[in-house]
C-alpha atoms as a PDB file:
ATOM      1  CA  UNK A   1       0.000   0.000   0.000  1.00  0.00           C
ATOM      2  CA  UNK A   2       1.176   3.521  -0.793  1.00  0.00           C
ATOM      3  CA  UNK A   3      -0.096   7.093  -0.862  1.00  0.00           C
ATOM      4  CA  UNK A   4      -2.426   7.487  -3.883  1.00  0.00           C
ATOM      5  CA  UNK A   5      -1.083  10.995  -4.537  1.00  0.00           C
ATOM      6  CA  UNK A   6       2.702  10.812  -4.115  1.00  0.00           C
ATOM      7  CA  UNK A   7       3.373   7.073  -3.875  1.00  0.00           C
ATOM      8  CA  UNK A   8       4.987   7.384  -0.437  1.00  0.00           C
ATOM      9  CA  UNK A   9       5.132   4.340   1.836  1.00  0.00           C
ATOM     10  CA  UNK A  10       5.296   6.131   5.192  1.00  0.00           C
ATOM     11  CA  UNK A  11       1.533   5.938   5.748  1.00  0.00           C
ATOM     12  CA  UNK A  12       0.703   5.224   9.413  1.00  0.00           C
ATOM     13  CA  UNK A  13      -2.845   4.516  10.544  1.00  0.00           C
ATOM     14  CA  UNK A  14      -4.253   7.639  12.214  1.00  0.00           C
ATOM     15  CA  UNK A  15      -7.900   6.821  12.875  1.00  0.00           C
ATOM     16  CA  UNK A  16     -10.567   4.140  12.633  1.00  0.00           C
ATOM     17  CA  UNK A  17     -14.200   5.234  12.308  1.00  0.00           C
ATOM     18  CA  UNK A  18     -17.394   3.244  12.856  1.00  0.00           C
ATOM     19  CA  UNK A  19     -19.492   3.697   9.711  1.00  0.00           C
ATOM     20  CA  UNK A  20     -22.395   1.396  10.608  1.00  0.00           C
ATOM     21  CA  UNK A  21     -24.709   4.322  11.341  1.00  0.00           C
ATOM     22  CA  UNK A  22     -24.231   5.856   7.890  1.00  0.00           C
ATOM     23  CA  UNK A  23     -27.500   6.139   5.930  1.00  0.00           C
ATOM     24  CA  UNK A  24     -26.096   4.074   3.043  1.00  0.00           C
ATOM     25  CA  UNK A  25     -24.433   1.401   5.187  1.00  0.00           C
ATOM     26  CA  UNK A  26     -25.386  -2.233   4.660  1.00  0.00           C
ATOM     27  CA  UNK A  27     -24.125  -5.270   6.555  1.00  0.00           C
ATOM     28  CA  UNK A  28     -22.204  -6.584   3.555  1.00  0.00           C
ATOM     29  CA  UNK A  29     -19.840  -3.589   3.881  1.00  0.00           C
ATOM     30  CA  UNK A  30     -16.913  -3.315   6.347  1.00  0.00           C
ATOM     31  CA  UNK A  31     -18.045  -1.737   9.654  1.00  0.00           C
ATOM     32  CA  UNK A  32     -14.926   0.420  10.129  1.00  0.00           C
ATOM     33  CA  UNK A  33     -13.145   2.907   7.864  1.00  0.00           C
ATOM     34  CA  UNK A  34      -9.405   3.121   8.537  1.00  0.00           C
ATOM     35  CA  UNK A  35      -7.662   6.390   7.666  1.00  0.00           C
ATOM     36  CA  UNK A  36      -3.938   6.782   6.940  1.00  0.00           C
ATOM     37  CA  UNK A  37      -1.744   9.866   6.622  1.00  0.00           C
ATOM     38  CA  UNK A  38       1.202  10.136   4.250  1.00  0.00           C
ATOM     39  CA  UNK A  39       4.387  11.186   6.014  1.00  0.00           C
ATOM     40  CA  UNK A  40       5.806  12.554   2.757  1.00  0.00           C
ATOM     41  CA  UNK A  41       3.007  14.755   1.374  1.00  0.00           C
ATOM     42  CA  UNK A  42       0.564  14.933   4.301  1.00  0.00           C
ATOM     43  CA  UNK A  43      -2.407  13.509   2.395  1.00  0.00           C
ATOM     44  CA  UNK A  44      -5.070  11.654   4.404  1.00  0.00           C
ATOM     45  CA  UNK A  45      -6.835   8.729   2.737  1.00  0.00           C
ATOM     46  CA  UNK A  46      -8.668   5.494   3.449  1.00  0.00           C
ATOM     47  CA  UNK A  47      -7.054   2.097   3.749  1.00  0.00           C
ATOM     48  CA  UNK A  48      -8.385   0.641   0.511  1.00  0.00           C
ATOM     49  CA  UNK A  49     -11.586   1.347  -1.402  1.00  0.00           C
ATOM     50  CA  UNK A  50     -14.730  -0.444  -2.486  1.00  0.00           C
ATOM     51  CA  UNK A  51     -14.507  -2.917  -5.342  1.00  0.00           C
ATOM     52  CA  UNK A  52     -17.187  -2.919  -8.055  1.00  0.00           C
ATOM     53  CA  UNK A  53     -19.502  -5.219  -6.096  1.00  0.00           C
ATOM     54  CA  UNK A  54     -19.344  -3.108  -2.925  1.00  0.00           C
ATOM     55  CA  UNK A  55     -19.795   0.090  -4.938  1.00  0.00           C
ATOM     56  CA  UNK A  56     -22.981  -1.384  -6.394  1.00  0.00           C
ATOM     57  CA  UNK A  57     -24.264  -1.858  -2.842  1.00  0.00           C
ATOM     58  CA  UNK A  58     -23.492   1.755  -1.929  1.00  0.00           C
ATOM     59  CA  UNK A  59     -24.945   3.223  -5.106  1.00  0.00           C
ATOM     60  CA  UNK A  60     -28.086   1.080  -4.820  1.00  0.00           C
ATOM     61  CA  UNK A  61     -29.331   3.700  -2.361  1.00  0.00           C
ATOM     62  CA  UNK A  62     -29.497   7.445  -2.917  1.00  0.00           C
ATOM     63  CA  UNK A  63     -29.553  10.249  -0.373  1.00  0.00           C
ATOM     64  CA  UNK A  64     -32.781  12.246  -0.815  1.00  0.00           C
ATOM     65  CA  UNK A  65     -30.695  15.404  -1.326  1.00  0.00           C
ATOM     66  CA  UNK A  66     -28.939  13.722  -4.271  1.00  0.00           C
ATOM     67  CA  UNK A  67     -32.093  13.044  -6.277  1.00  0.00           C
ATOM     68  CA  UNK A  68     -32.873  15.218  -9.294  1.00  0.00           C
ATOM     69  CA  UNK A  69     -34.991  18.222  -8.368  1.00  0.00           C
ATOM     70  CA  UNK A  70     -34.596  17.882  -4.597  1.00  0.00           C
ATOM     71  CA  UNK A  71     -35.215  21.176  -2.757  1.00  0.00           C
ATOM     72  CA  UNK A  72     -34.886  23.063  -6.039  1.00  0.00           C
ATOM     73  CA  UNK A  73     -35.889  26.514  -4.858  1.00  0.00           C
ATOM     74  CA  UNK A  74     -33.560  26.560  -1.850  1.00  0.00           C
ATOM     75  CA  UNK A  75     -30.678  25.122  -3.828  1.00  0.00           C
ATOM     76  CA  UNK A  76     -31.086  27.579  -6.709  1.00  0.00           C
ATOM     77  CA  UNK A  77     -29.400  30.595  -5.024  1.00  0.00           C
ATOM     78  CA  UNK A  78     -26.569  28.397  -3.697  1.00  0.00           C
ATOM     79  CA  UNK A  79     -25.854  27.054  -7.169  1.00  0.00           C
ATOM     80  CA  UNK A  80     -26.384  30.483  -8.728  1.00  0.00           C
ATOM     81  CA  UNK A  81     -23.564  31.953  -6.656  1.00  0.00           C
ATOM     82  CA  UNK A  82     -21.227  29.204  -7.875  1.00  0.00           C
ATOM     83  CA  UNK A  83     -22.186  29.714 -11.516  1.00  0.00           C
ATOM     84  CA  UNK A  84     -21.789  33.485 -11.204  1.00  0.00           C
ATOM     85  CA  UNK A  85     -18.241  33.007  -9.875  1.00  0.00           C
ATOM     86  CA  UNK A  86     -17.324  30.630 -12.693  1.00  0.00           C
ATOM     87  CA  UNK A  87     -18.968  32.840 -15.333  1.00  0.00           C
ATOM     88  CA  UNK A  88     -16.604  35.672 -14.433  1.00  0.00           C
ATOM     89  CA  UNK A  89     -13.816  33.418 -15.729  1.00  0.00           C
ATOM     90  CA  UNK A  90     -15.614  31.603 -18.578  1.00  0.00           C
ATOM     91  CA  UNK A  91     -18.887  33.138 -19.728  1.00  0.00           C
ATOM     92  CA  UNK A  92     -20.402  30.554 -22.084  1.00  0.00           C
ATOM     93  CA  UNK A  93     -20.106  27.119 -23.653  1.00  0.00           C
ATOM     94  CA  UNK A  94     -20.634  23.484 -22.678  1.00  0.00           C
ATOM     95  CA  UNK A  95     -20.754  22.806 -18.919  1.00  0.00           C
ATOM     96  CA  UNK A  96     -20.159  19.253 -17.664  1.00  0.00           C
ATOM     97  CA  UNK A  97     -21.275  18.556 -14.096  1.00  0.00           C
ATOM     98  CA  UNK A  98     -19.668  15.400 -12.732  1.00  0.00           C
ATOM     99  CA  UNK A  99     -21.816  13.687 -10.098  1.00  0.00           C
ATOM    100  CA  UNK A 100     -24.713  16.055 -10.721  1.00  0.00           C
ATOM    101  CA  UNK A 101     -26.888  14.747  -7.866  1.00  0.00           C
ATOM    102  CA  UNK A 102     -29.975  16.934  -7.547  1.00  0.00           C
ATOM    103  CA  UNK A 103     -29.127  18.758 -10.784  1.00  0.00           C
ATOM    104  CA  UNK A 104     -29.215  22.203  -9.204  1.00  0.00           C
ATOM    105  CA  UNK A 105     -25.825  23.291 -10.535  1.00  0.00           C
ATOM    106  CA  UNK A 106     -26.726  22.282 -14.089  1.00  0.00           C
ATOM    107  CA  UNK A 107     -30.074  24.061 -13.909  1.00  0.00           C
ATOM    108  CA  UNK A 108     -28.343  27.231 -12.697  1.00  0.00           C
ATOM    109  CA  UNK A 109     -25.678  26.971 -15.406  1.00  0.00           C
ATOM    110  CA  UNK A 110     -28.451  26.775 -17.991  1.00  0.00           C
ATOM    111  CA  UNK A 111     -29.913  30.035 -16.651  1.00  0.00           C
ATOM    112  CA  UNK A 112     -26.570  31.705 -17.443  1.00  0.00           C
ATOM    113  CA  UNK A 113     -26.703  30.405 -21.017  1.00  0.00           C
ATOM    114  CA  UNK A 114     -24.365  27.427 -20.657  1.00  0.00           C
ATOM    115  CA  UNK A 115     -25.220  24.149 -22.404  1.00  0.00           C
ATOM    116  CA  UNK A 116     -25.513  21.640 -19.524  1.00  0.00           C
ATOM    117  CA  UNK A 117     -24.354  18.015 -19.611  1.00  0.00           C
ATOM    118  CA  UNK A 118     -24.672  15.681 -16.629  1.00  0.00           C
ATOM    119  CA  UNK A 119     -22.498  12.764 -15.547  1.00  0.00           C
ATOM    120  CA  UNK A 120     -23.477  10.469 -12.672  1.00  0.00           C
ATOM    121  CA  UNK A 121     -23.081   6.852 -11.570  1.00  0.00           C
ATOM    122  CA  UNK A 122     -26.636   6.569 -10.274  1.00  0.00           C
ATOM    123  CA  UNK A 123     -28.733   5.203 -13.130  1.00  0.00           C
ATOM    124  CA  UNK A 124     -32.036   6.543 -11.800  1.00  0.00           C
ATOM    125  CA  UNK A 125     -30.628  10.064 -11.633  1.00  0.00           C
ATOM    126  CA  UNK A 126     -29.322   9.862 -15.185  1.00  0.00           C
ATOM    127  CA  UNK A 127     -32.659   8.545 -16.463  1.00  0.00           C
ATOM    128  CA  UNK A 128     -34.525  11.328 -14.664  1.00  0.00           C
ATOM    129  CA  UNK A 129     -32.308  14.070 -16.096  1.00  0.00           C
ATOM    130  CA  UNK A 130     -32.659  12.580 -19.574  1.00  0.00           C
ATOM    131  CA  UNK A 131     -36.450  12.482 -19.177  1.00  0.00           C
ATOM    132  CA  UNK A 132     -36.336  16.243 -18.546  1.00  0.00           C
ATOM    133  CA  UNK A 133     -34.620  16.757 -21.895  1.00  0.00           C
ATOM    134  CA  UNK A 134     -30.994  17.107 -20.747  1.00  0.00           C
ATOM    135  CA  UNK A 135     -27.939  15.282 -22.028  1.00  0.00           C
ATOM    136  CA  UNK A 136     -26.743  12.917 -19.308  1.00  0.00           C
ATOM    137  CA  UNK A 137     -24.416   9.914 -19.147  1.00  0.00           C
ATOM    138  CA  UNK A 138     -24.098   7.090 -16.606  1.00  0.00           C
ATOM    139  CA  UNK A 139     -20.311   6.861 -16.698  1.00  0.00           C
ATOM    140  CA  UNK A 140     -17.232   7.704 -14.694  1.00  0.00           C
ATOM    141  CA  UNK A 141     -15.318  10.793 -15.794  1.00  0.00           C
ATOM    142  CA  UNK A 142     -12.429   8.552 -16.851  1.00  0.00           C
ATOM    143  CA  UNK A 143     -14.737   6.680 -19.271  1.00  0.00           C
ATOM    144  CA  UNK A 144     -16.256   9.756 -20.949  1.00  0.00           C
ATOM    145  CA  UNK A 145     -14.811  10.223 -24.450  1.00  0.00           C
ATOM    146  CA  UNK A 146     -15.501  13.915 -25.162  1.00  0.00           C
ATOM    147  CA  UNK A 147     -11.964  15.233 -25.610  1.00  0.00           C
ATOM    148  CA  UNK A 148     -11.680  19.035 -25.267  1.00  0.00           C
ATOM    149  CA  UNK A 149     -15.444  19.473 -25.581  1.00  0.00           C
ATOM    150  CA  UNK A 150     -16.139  21.380 -22.374  1.00  0.00           C
ATOM    151  CA  UNK A 151     -15.619  25.005 -21.432  1.00  0.00           C
ATOM    152  CA  UNK A 152     -16.469  24.331 -17.775  1.00  0.00           C
ATOM    153  CA  UNK A 153     -16.280  21.158 -15.710  1.00  0.00           C
ATOM    154  CA  UNK A 154     -17.699  21.098 -12.196  1.00  0.00           C
ATOM    155  CA  UNK A 155     -16.761  18.414  -9.677  1.00  0.00           C
ATOM    156  CA  UNK A 156     -18.743  19.547  -6.662  1.00  0.00           C
ATOM    157  CA  UNK A 157     -17.963  17.194  -3.775  1.00  0.00           C
ATOM    158  CA  UNK A 158     -16.633  14.571  -6.182  1.00  0.00           C
ATOM    159  CA  UNK A 159     -12.825  14.364  -6.014  1.00  0.00           C
ATOM    160  CA  UNK A 160     -12.856  12.934  -2.488  1.00  0.00           C
ATOM    161  CA  UNK A 161     -15.100  10.111  -3.771  1.00  0.00           C
ATOM    162  CA  UNK A 162     -12.601   8.912  -6.384  1.00  0.00           C
ATOM    163  CA  UNK A 163     -10.198   6.137  -5.334  1.00  0.00           C
ATOM    164  CA  UNK A 164      -7.577   7.676  -7.635  1.00  0.00           C
ATOM    165  CA  UNK A 165      -7.945  11.478  -7.786  1.00  0.00           C
ATOM    166  CA  UNK A 166      -4.996  11.798 -10.157  1.00  0.00           C
ATOM    167  CA  UNK A 167      -6.852   9.825 -12.819  1.00  0.00           C
ATOM    168  CA  UNK A 168      -9.976  11.928 -12.328  1.00  0.00           C
ATOM    169  CA  UNK A 169      -8.082  15.197 -12.733  1.00  0.00           C
ATOM    170  CA  UNK A 170      -6.188  13.890 -15.763  1.00  0.00           C
ATOM    171  CA  UNK A 171      -9.526  12.966 -17.340  1.00  0.00           C
ATOM    172  CA  UNK A 172     -10.953  16.404 -16.540  1.00  0.00           C
ATOM    173  CA  UNK A 173      -7.957  18.097 -18.139  1.00  0.00           C
ATOM    174  CA  UNK A 174      -8.422  16.022 -21.308  1.00  0.00           C
ATOM    175  CA  UNK A 175     -12.138  16.893 -21.474  1.00  0.00           C
ATOM    176  CA  UNK A 176     -11.586  20.620 -20.935  1.00  0.00           C
ATOM    177  CA  UNK A 177     -10.857  23.061 -23.730  1.00  0.00           C
ATOM    178  CA  UNK A 178      -7.692  25.192 -23.373  1.00  0.00           C
ATOM    179  CA  UNK A 179      -8.411  28.049 -20.976  1.00  0.00           C
ATOM    180  CA  UNK A 180     -11.513  26.335 -19.615  1.00  0.00           C
ATOM    181  CA  UNK A 181     -12.521  26.396 -15.950  1.00  0.00           C
ATOM    182  CA  UNK A 182     -12.640  23.596 -13.406  1.00  0.00           C
ATOM    183  CA  UNK A 183     -14.836  24.080 -10.328  1.00  0.00           C
ATOM    184  CA  UNK A 184     -14.204  21.899  -7.277  1.00  0.00           C
ATOM    185  CA  UNK A 185     -15.716  21.706  -3.828  1.00  0.00           C
ATOM    186  CA  UNK A 186     -14.897  19.332  -0.980  1.00  0.00           C
ATOM    187  CA  UNK A 187     -14.213  19.270   2.769  1.00  0.00           C
ATOM    188  CA  UNK A 188     -11.133  21.227   3.847  1.00  0.00           C
ATOM    189  CA  UNK A 189      -9.461  19.447   6.741  1.00  0.00           C
ATOM    190  CA  UNK A 190      -7.154  22.402   7.380  1.00  0.00           C
ATOM    191  CA  UNK A 191      -9.821  24.653   8.930  1.00  0.00           C
ATOM    192  CA  UNK A 192     -10.764  25.458  12.505  1.00  0.00           C
ATOM    193  CA  UNK A 193     -14.263  24.086  11.871  1.00  0.00           C
ATOM    194  CA  UNK A 194     -12.786  20.703  10.952  1.00  0.00           C
ATOM    195  CA  UNK A 195     -10.430  20.722  13.930  1.00  0.00           C
ATOM    196  CA  UNK A 196     -13.233  21.565  16.369  1.00  0.00           C
ATOM    197  CA  UNK A 197     -15.497  18.869  14.946  1.00  0.00           C
ATOM    198  CA  UNK A 198     -12.655  16.386  15.342  1.00  0.00           C
ATOM    199  CA  UNK A 199     -11.770  17.535  18.875  1.00  0.00           C
ATOM    200  CA  UNK A 200     -15.399  17.122  19.934  1.00  0.00           C
ATOM    201  CA  UNK A 201     -15.610  13.700  18.252  1.00  0.00           C
ATOM    202  CA  UNK A 202     -18.469  14.803  15.990  1.00  0.00           C
ATOM    203  CA  UNK A 203     -16.671  15.108  12.651  1.00  0.00           C
ATOM    204  CA  UNK A 204     -19.033  13.360  10.190  1.00  0.00           C
ATOM    205  CA  UNK A 205     -16.432  12.902   7.475  1.00  0.00           C
ATOM    206  CA  UNK A 206     -14.430  10.180   9.188  1.00  0.00           C
ATOM    207  CA  UNK A 207     -17.437   7.829   8.906  1.00  0.00           C
ATOM    208  CA  UNK A 208     -18.462   8.933   5.405  1.00  0.00           C
ATOM    209  CA  UNK A 209     -18.450   5.676   3.459  1.00  0.00           C
ATOM    210  CA  UNK A 210     -18.494   7.429   0.080  1.00  0.00           C
ATOM    211  CA  UNK A 211     -15.250   9.348   0.789  1.00  0.00           C
ATOM    212  CA  UNK A 212     -11.734   8.030   0.209  1.00  0.00           C
ATOM    213  CA  UNK A 213      -9.778  11.253   0.775  1.00  0.00           C
ATOM    214  CA  UNK A 214      -9.564  14.334   2.969  1.00  0.00           C
ATOM    215  CA  UNK A 215      -7.788  17.288   1.366  1.00  0.00           C
ATOM    216  CA  UNK A 216      -6.260  20.474   2.668  1.00  0.00           C
ATOM    217  CA  UNK A 217      -6.225  23.552   0.451  1.00  0.00           C
ATOM    218  CA  UNK A 218      -2.440  23.340   0.135  1.00  0.00           C
ATOM    219  CA  UNK A 219      -2.432  19.681  -0.940  1.00  0.00           C
ATOM    220  CA  UNK A 220      -5.272  20.239  -3.397  1.00  0.00           C
ATOM    221  CA  UNK A 221      -3.522  23.202  -5.024  1.00  0.00           C
ATOM    222  CA  UNK A 222      -0.338  21.182  -5.481  1.00  0.00           C
ATOM    223  CA  UNK A 223      -2.299  18.327  -7.051  1.00  0.00           C
ATOM    224  CA  UNK A 224      -4.103  20.678  -9.429  1.00  0.00           C
ATOM    225  CA  UNK A 225      -0.845  22.227 -10.611  1.00  0.00           C
ATOM    226  CA  UNK A 226       0.616  18.783 -11.233  1.00  0.00           C
ATOM    227  CA  UNK A 227      -2.273  18.107 -13.634  1.00  0.00           C
ATOM    228  CA  UNK A 228      -2.259  21.275 -15.698  1.00  0.00           C
ATOM    229  CA  UNK A 229      -4.566  23.515 -13.661  1.00  0.00           C
ATOM    230  CA  UNK A 230      -3.830  26.862 -12.036  1.00  0.00           C
ATOM    231  CA  UNK A 231      -6.029  27.700  -9.010  1.00  0.00           C
ATOM    232  CA  UNK A 232      -7.383  31.247  -9.373  1.00  0.00           C
ATOM    233  CA  UNK A 233     -10.104  31.548  -6.735  1.00  0.00           C
ATOM    234  CA  UNK A 234     -10.812  30.121  -3.270  1.00  0.00           C
ATOM    235  CA  UNK A 235     -14.058  30.308  -1.320  1.00  0.00           C
ATOM    236  CA  UNK A 236     -16.013  28.782   1.549  1.00  0.00           C
ATOM    237  CA  UNK A 237     -18.754  26.423   0.412  1.00  0.00           C
ATOM    238  CA  UNK A 238     -22.372  26.715   1.512  1.00  0.00           C
ATOM    239  CA  UNK A 239     -23.162  23.185   0.389  1.00  0.00           C
ATOM    240  CA  UNK A 240     -21.744  21.123   3.259  1.00  0.00           C
ATOM    241  CA  UNK A 241     -19.934  21.609   6.564  1.00  0.00           C
ATOM    242  CA  UNK A 242     -16.254  22.632   6.628  1.00  0.00           C
ATOM    243  CA  UNK A 243     -16.076  22.684   2.835  1.00  0.00           C
ATOM    244  CA  UNK A 244     -14.051  24.762   0.399  1.00  0.00           C
ATOM    245  CA  UNK A 245     -14.619  25.820  -3.207  1.00  0.00           C
ATOM    246  CA  UNK A 246     -11.870  26.285  -5.780  1.00  0.00           C
ATOM    247  CA  UNK A 247     -11.887  27.526  -9.361  1.00  0.00           C
ATOM    248  CA  UNK A 248      -8.891  26.524 -11.481  1.00  0.00           C
ATOM    249  CA  UNK A 249      -8.061  27.295 -15.102  1.00  0.00           C
ATOM    250  CA  UNK A 250      -6.586  24.787 -17.538  1.00  0.00           C
ATOM    251  CA  UNK A 251      -3.119  25.908 -18.609  1.00  0.00           C
END
């Protein structure tokens, strides 16, 4: 076993979390998530990841807030703020939302004049978005063959779900047109909110069975630069607790 970002082998176990109370947990899954920290690059990641069979178990259920159209009116201003920030960098074109969930970000992007395309691993979500007249694909980002088609790619709370983030970012770079924008959001473990949640033993992310990674802003920026992206904007996310938002431009 080695660090999935730098390949380092100094990766001591730092924490084990009971995940049996997670909404998507089923008894066929391991009851504990073990987290390791790389002594070379500081990245924190899980000890292993779900194989295809286990992933099918997890994705057989869907959080209500990840279903297409969920809480549309309340989510609209949250997504609108994200789109407005991105549109200051790239004002039009094809927008790919990876792991589109409730679809709110795509619907907001459409209001700004972008042409929305959805990508998700939950078949029901893809079918629902297609039934509403949108282009949507039930594929991983690595499997999508749309080279340099997109002006914007959003991966809102997605990168931490990928066993191999490097492959996901490499795929995003290949799908993005030169000068296009990448939007990312995810938990930021280098914040006081995170540290207080951890100190009080109420940090929900340690037991999050869909997450394989916890990033700091510094580690994320380094990873982006290694894959042909230059971070240009940082913000605090309204979507989930202790989360950050980053806009990066393909260089």
